[in-house]
Amino acid sequence: EYTQRPMQFLKNIFQSFCSHALPTACIVCELYQGARVCDSCMKICMNDALCNYECCYQCGIPCTSPEMIGQQCKLCLEDMPYFDETYCLGFYNGKLQNALHQLKYQKRLSYAHGLTSIWNDVMPEHLNELQADYLLPVPLSAEKLVLRGFNQSWELARRIKCKDSIHKMPYILKRRHQQKRQAGSSLYIRQSNIRGAFYLEKDALTLLKNKSVIVFDDVMTSGATLDEIARILKDNGVSRVMNWVLLRTTKTSIR
């Protein structure tokens, strides 16, 4: 036992040295180097960011040439969503898709740090100056949370930079469990499936009255989920709803 203690001490020293001195892997290219995101991949993410495109201010989808004048897409004009603005980091089918899947489906929580470091470095400075009172992550149902073990939207939202006056509240917004999956469904089916899926804690209703709220999600596809959340928020007195989204699909046919 006496000889085991020095060995354990040396083992702890070695593990500590390895965790600080040895390189990690870039979450994008997966090559080993010193940071969570290598300089080359960070530059690619900056160049490919959706903030470099003329996007619909309301739903975040890239605009066609005729839509650029009003900076609002045809679908938002024809069927106005409840949310007011959307800001997205990148395209879902881009460089960050695999990193998000590693976080979401392989439960590699370390990828949340890398993804949010890209968000914090790439997103425009004025985003941090937006006036808002609360930041809420899109919730998982209790059943889904037990199955996955964490809410990926909250793991990202808790690490992104925003003004100190914006309070991050992970438990105000709740979600009922649903058996039907949204993936691959049409916009109409998505809207039908998601109707009534969200609700608010009763104790939070007075907090949200006449407030401005940011809703954070990892992926925005049709916008049906975020639209339903915005509807619930506004029905309960919220004055303005903005979406902050990590990755945005470009499948305009389902929106």
Protein backbone atom coordinates (compact mmCIF):
# COMPACT_ATOMS: atom_id res chain seq x y z
CA GLU A 1 0.00 0.00 0.00
CA TYR A 2 2.89 2.35 0.82
CA THR A 3 4.42 1.89 -2.63
CA GLN A 4 1.05 2.29 -4.38
CA ARG A 5 0.53 5.84 -3.10
CA PRO A 6 3.56 7.37 -4.88
CA MET A 7 2.61 5.49 -8.04
CA GLN A 8 -0.95 6.87 -7.90
CA PHE A 9 0.48 10.34 -7.29
CA LEU A 10 2.71 10.03 -10.37
CA LYS A 11 -0.23 8.71 -12.38
CA ASN A 12 -2.31 11.74 -11.40
CA ILE A 13 0.54 14.07 -12.39
CA PHE A 14 0.88 12.32 -15.76
CA GLN A 15 -2.86 12.51 -16.46
CA SER A 16 -2.90 16.18 -15.56
CA PHE A 17 0.07 16.83 -17.84
CA CYS A 18 -1.59 14.98 -20.72
CA SER A 19 -4.84 16.88 -20.38
CA HIS A 20 -3.03 20.22 -20.59
CA ALA A 21 0.03 19.61 -22.76
CA LEU A 22 -1.05 17.09 -25.39
CA PRO A 23 -3.05 18.32 -28.39
CA THR A 24 -6.74 17.77 -28.92
CA ALA A 25 -8.61 17.17 -32.16
CA CYS A 26 -10.34 19.89 -34.17
CA ILE A 27 -14.09 19.23 -34.04
CA VAL A 28 -14.39 20.08 -37.75
CA CYS A 29 -11.49 18.39 -39.57
CA GLU A 30 -10.69 16.03 -36.64
CA LEU A 31 -6.93 16.54 -37.06
CA TYR A 32 -4.89 16.74 -33.85
CA GLN A 33 -3.64 20.17 -32.83
CA GLY A 34 -3.81 22.56 -29.87
CA ALA A 35 -7.31 24.04 -30.00
CA ARG A 36 -10.85 22.73 -30.27
CA VAL A 37 -11.12 24.36 -33.70
CA CYS A 38 -8.03 24.78 -35.87
CA ASP A 39 -7.30 28.11 -37.58
CA SER A 40 -8.00 26.71 -41.03
CA CYS A 41 -11.45 25.37 -40.08
CA MET A 42 -12.31 28.55 -38.18
CA LYS A 43 -11.54 30.56 -41.31
CA ILE A 44 -13.76 28.25 -43.40
CA CYS A 45 -16.59 28.63 -40.88
CA MET A 46 -16.24 32.41 -41.02
CA ASN A 47 -16.32 32.43 -44.82
CA ASP A 48 -19.31 30.05 -44.99
CA ALA A 49 -21.32 31.72 -42.22
CA LEU A 50 -24.89 32.69 -43.03
CA CYS A 51 -24.17 36.25 -41.91
CA ASN A 52 -22.27 36.60 -45.21
CA TYR A 53 -25.50 36.00 -47.15
CA GLU A 54 -28.60 38.11 -47.70
CA CYS A 55 -31.06 36.19 -45.56
CA CYS A 56 -34.69 36.65 -44.65
CA TYR A 57 -34.62 38.64 -41.42
CA GLN A 58 -37.59 36.70 -40.12
CA CYS A 59 -36.73 33.02 -40.75
CA GLY A 60 -33.02 33.15 -41.62
CA ILE A 61 -33.26 31.39 -45.00
CA PRO A 62 -31.08 32.83 -47.81
CA CYS A 63 -33.14 35.18 -49.99
CA THR A 64 -33.57 34.92 -53.73
CA SER A 65 -32.71 38.01 -55.80
CA PRO A 66 -36.28 39.44 -55.82
CA GLU A 67 -36.57 38.89 -52.04
CA MET A 68 -33.44 40.87 -51.18
CA ILE A 69 -35.16 44.24 -51.48
CA GLY A 70 -37.40 43.68 -48.48
CA GLN A 71 -35.04 41.12 -46.90
CA GLN A 72 -38.01 38.83 -46.37
CA CYS A 73 -38.68 35.54 -48.14
CA LYS A 74 -41.87 34.82 -50.04
CA LEU A 75 -43.00 32.17 -47.57
CA CYS A 76 -42.77 34.51 -44.58
CA LEU A 77 -44.71 37.14 -46.51
CA GLU A 78 -47.45 34.67 -47.40
CA ASP A 79 -47.61 32.91 -44.03
CA MET A 80 -46.22 35.25 -41.38
CA PRO A 81 -44.57 33.31 -38.52
CA TYR A 82 -45.02 34.32 -34.89
CA PHE A 83 -41.31 34.92 -34.33
CA ASP A 84 -39.83 38.28 -35.32
CA GLU A 85 -36.20 37.60 -36.24
CA THR A 86 -33.84 34.68 -36.82
CA TYR A 87 -30.04 34.60 -36.70
CA CYS A 88 -28.22 31.43 -37.82
CA LEU A 89 -24.55 30.50 -37.72
CA GLY A 90 -24.23 28.17 -40.71
CA PHE A 91 -25.77 25.73 -43.16
CA TYR A 92 -26.88 22.36 -41.85
CA ASN A 93 -25.21 20.54 -44.75
CA GLY A 94 -21.93 22.38 -44.19
CA LYS A 95 -18.75 21.75 -42.24
CA LEU A 96 -20.40 21.70 -38.81
CA GLN A 97 -22.99 18.98 -39.41
CA ASN A 98 -20.75 16.14 -38.25
CA ALA A 99 -19.66 18.04 -35.14
CA LEU A 100 -23.29 18.64 -34.17
CA HIS A 101 -24.11 14.96 -34.76
CA GLN A 102 -21.19 13.96 -32.54
CA LEU A 103 -22.66 16.11 -29.77
CA LYS A 104 -26.28 15.17 -30.31
CA TYR A 105 -26.17 11.47 -31.12
CA GLN A 106 -22.78 10.27 -29.85
CA LYS A 107 -23.09 12.25 -26.60
CA ARG A 108 -19.69 13.90 -26.99
CA LEU A 109 -20.36 16.93 -24.81
CA SER A 110 -16.90 18.35 -25.45
CA TYR A 111 -18.12 19.24 -28.94
CA ALA A 112 -20.47 21.81 -27.40
CA HIS A 113 -17.42 23.86 -26.38
CA GLY A 114 -16.01 23.82 -29.90
CA LEU A 115 -19.32 24.65 -31.58
CA THR A 116 -19.98 27.57 -29.27
CA SER A 117 -16.44 28.87 -29.69
CA ILE A 118 -17.19 29.07 -33.42
CA TRP A 119 -20.48 30.84 -32.69
CA ASN A 120 -18.77 33.34 -30.38
CA ASP A 121 -16.02 34.11 -32.89
CA VAL A 122 -18.10 34.16 -36.08
CA MET A 123 -21.45 35.74 -35.24
CA PRO A 124 -21.62 39.52 -35.82
CA GLU A 125 -20.79 41.80 -32.91
CA HIS A 126 -24.17 43.54 -33.07
CA LEU A 127 -25.83 40.28 -32.05
CA ASN A 128 -24.43 40.73 -28.55
CA GLU A 129 -25.94 44.21 -28.41
CA LEU A 130 -29.50 43.12 -29.16
CA GLN A 131 -31.96 44.07 -26.46
CA ALA A 132 -33.55 41.03 -24.86
CA ASP A 133 -34.55 39.92 -21.38
CA TYR A 134 -34.34 36.12 -21.48
CA LEU A 135 -32.68 33.35 -23.47
CA LEU A 136 -34.54 30.04 -23.51
CA PRO A 137 -33.29 26.80 -25.10
CA VAL A 138 -35.73 24.67 -27.07
CA PRO A 139 -36.57 21.97 -24.51
CA LEU A 140 -36.71 18.20 -24.78
CA SER A 141 -39.54 16.23 -23.25
CA ALA A 142 -38.78 14.55 -19.93
CA GLU A 143 -38.78 11.15 -21.67
CA LYS A 144 -36.37 12.30 -24.39
CA LEU A 145 -34.14 13.99 -21.83
CA VAL A 146 -33.81 10.75 -19.86
CA LEU A 147 -33.02 8.85 -23.06
CA ARG A 148 -30.38 11.29 -24.32
CA GLY A 149 -29.07 12.42 -20.95
CA PHE A 150 -28.82 16.11 -21.85
CA ASN A 151 -30.47 18.82 -23.92
CA GLN A 152 -28.09 19.74 -26.74
CA SER A 153 -29.75 23.15 -27.24
CA TRP A 154 -29.08 24.05 -23.61
CA GLU A 155 -25.52 22.72 -23.70
CA LEU A 156 -24.90 25.14 -26.58
CA ALA A 157 -26.96 28.06 -25.26
CA ARG A 158 -25.33 28.05 -21.84
CA ARG A 159 -21.90 28.62 -23.46
CA ILE A 160 -22.68 31.30 -26.03
CA LYS A 161 -21.80 34.91 -25.31
CA CYS A 162 -24.56 37.43 -24.74
CA LYS A 163 -25.16 40.55 -22.69
CA ASP A 164 -25.13 40.12 -18.92
CA SER A 165 -28.63 41.59 -18.81
CA ILE A 166 -29.98 38.61 -20.79
CA HIS A 167 -30.91 35.89 -18.31
CA LYS A 168 -30.49 32.30 -19.49
CA MET A 169 -33.44 30.27 -18.24
CA PRO A 170 -33.37 26.56 -19.15
CA TYR A 171 -36.48 25.47 -17.24
CA ILE A 172 -39.20 28.02 -18.11
CA LEU A 173 -40.21 26.37 -21.37
CA LYS A 174 -41.45 22.77 -21.22
CA ARG A 175 -42.23 20.13 -23.84
CA ARG A 176 -44.75 17.32 -23.82
CA HIS A 177 -43.60 13.95 -25.10
CA GLN A 178 -44.56 13.06 -28.67
CA GLN A 179 -44.32 9.70 -30.38
CA LYS A 180 -44.30 11.11 -33.92
CA ARG A 181 -41.00 12.23 -35.43
CA GLN A 182 -40.67 15.47 -37.38
CA ALA A 183 -37.84 14.46 -39.72
CA GLY A 184 -38.89 14.10 -43.35
CA SER A 185 -42.40 15.47 -42.82
CA SER A 186 -44.03 18.24 -44.83
CA LEU A 187 -44.56 21.67 -43.29
CA TYR A 188 -48.27 20.98 -42.76
CA ILE A 189 -47.55 17.68 -40.96
CA ARG A 190 -44.81 19.30 -38.88
CA GLN A 191 -47.15 22.09 -37.81
CA SER A 192 -49.89 19.60 -36.94
CA ASN A 193 -47.52 17.36 -34.98
CA ILE A 194 -46.00 20.18 -32.97
CA ARG A 195 -49.25 21.97 -32.09
CA GLY A 196 -49.68 22.05 -28.32
CA ALA A 197 -46.31 20.41 -27.65
CA PHE A 198 -44.95 23.28 -25.53
CA TYR A 199 -46.09 25.02 -22.38
CA LEU A 200 -44.69 27.44 -19.82
CA GLU A 201 -44.13 27.10 -16.09
CA LYS A 202 -46.92 29.00 -14.35
CA ASP A 203 -44.47 30.75 -12.04
CA ALA A 204 -42.71 32.22 -15.09
CA LEU A 205 -45.74 33.87 -16.68
CA THR A 206 -45.35 37.13 -14.78
CA LEU A 207 -41.63 37.24 -15.64
CA LEU A 208 -42.33 37.07 -19.37
CA LYS A 209 -45.03 39.73 -19.53
CA ASN A 210 -44.04 42.40 -22.11
CA LYS A 211 -40.52 40.99 -22.31
CA SER A 212 -38.25 40.24 -25.27
CA VAL A 213 -37.12 36.61 -25.52
CA ILE A 214 -34.39 34.79 -27.47
CA VAL A 215 -35.06 31.12 -28.24
CA PHE A 216 -31.98 29.01 -28.98
CA ASP A 217 -32.09 25.83 -31.09
CA ASP A 218 -29.42 23.61 -32.60
CA VAL A 219 -31.15 23.14 -35.98
CA MET A 220 -33.93 24.96 -37.82
CA THR A 221 -35.57 23.07 -40.67
CA SER A 222 -39.14 24.09 -41.48
CA GLY A 223 -39.40 26.53 -38.59
CA ALA A 224 -42.52 24.78 -37.26
CA THR A 225 -41.02 24.09 -33.81
CA LEU A 226 -39.76 27.63 -33.30
CA ASP A 227 -43.00 29.07 -34.65
CA GLU A 228 -45.05 27.05 -32.16
CA ILE A 229 -42.78 28.18 -29.32
CA ALA A 230 -43.12 31.80 -30.43
CA ARG A 231 -46.91 31.39 -30.52
CA ILE A 232 -46.97 30.07 -26.96
CA LEU A 233 -44.68 32.86 -25.76
CA LYS A 234 -46.70 35.62 -27.40
CA ASP A 235 -50.00 34.13 -26.23
CA ASN A 236 -48.57 34.48 -22.71
CA GLY A 237 -47.57 38.12 -23.00
CA VAL A 238 -44.09 38.10 -24.56
CA SER A 239 -43.71 41.15 -26.80
CA ARG A 240 -40.88 40.01 -29.08
CA VAL A 241 -39.32 36.63 -29.99
CA MET A 242 -35.95 36.16 -31.69
CA ASN A 243 -34.42 32.87 -32.76
CA TRP A 244 -30.72 32.09 -32.41
CA VAL A 245 -29.93 28.91 -34.34
CA LEU A 246 -26.70 26.99 -34.79
CA LEU A 247 -27.45 25.41 -38.20
CA ARG A 248 -30.12 26.18 -40.80
CA THR A 249 -31.34 23.86 -43.53
CA THR A 250 -32.00 25.32 -46.98
CA LYS A 251 -34.90 23.07 -47.93
CA THR A 252 -37.29 25.86 -48.75
CA SER A 253 -39.85 23.37 -50.12
CA ILE A 254 -40.88 22.38 -46.60
CA ARG A 255 -41.29 25.90 -45.26
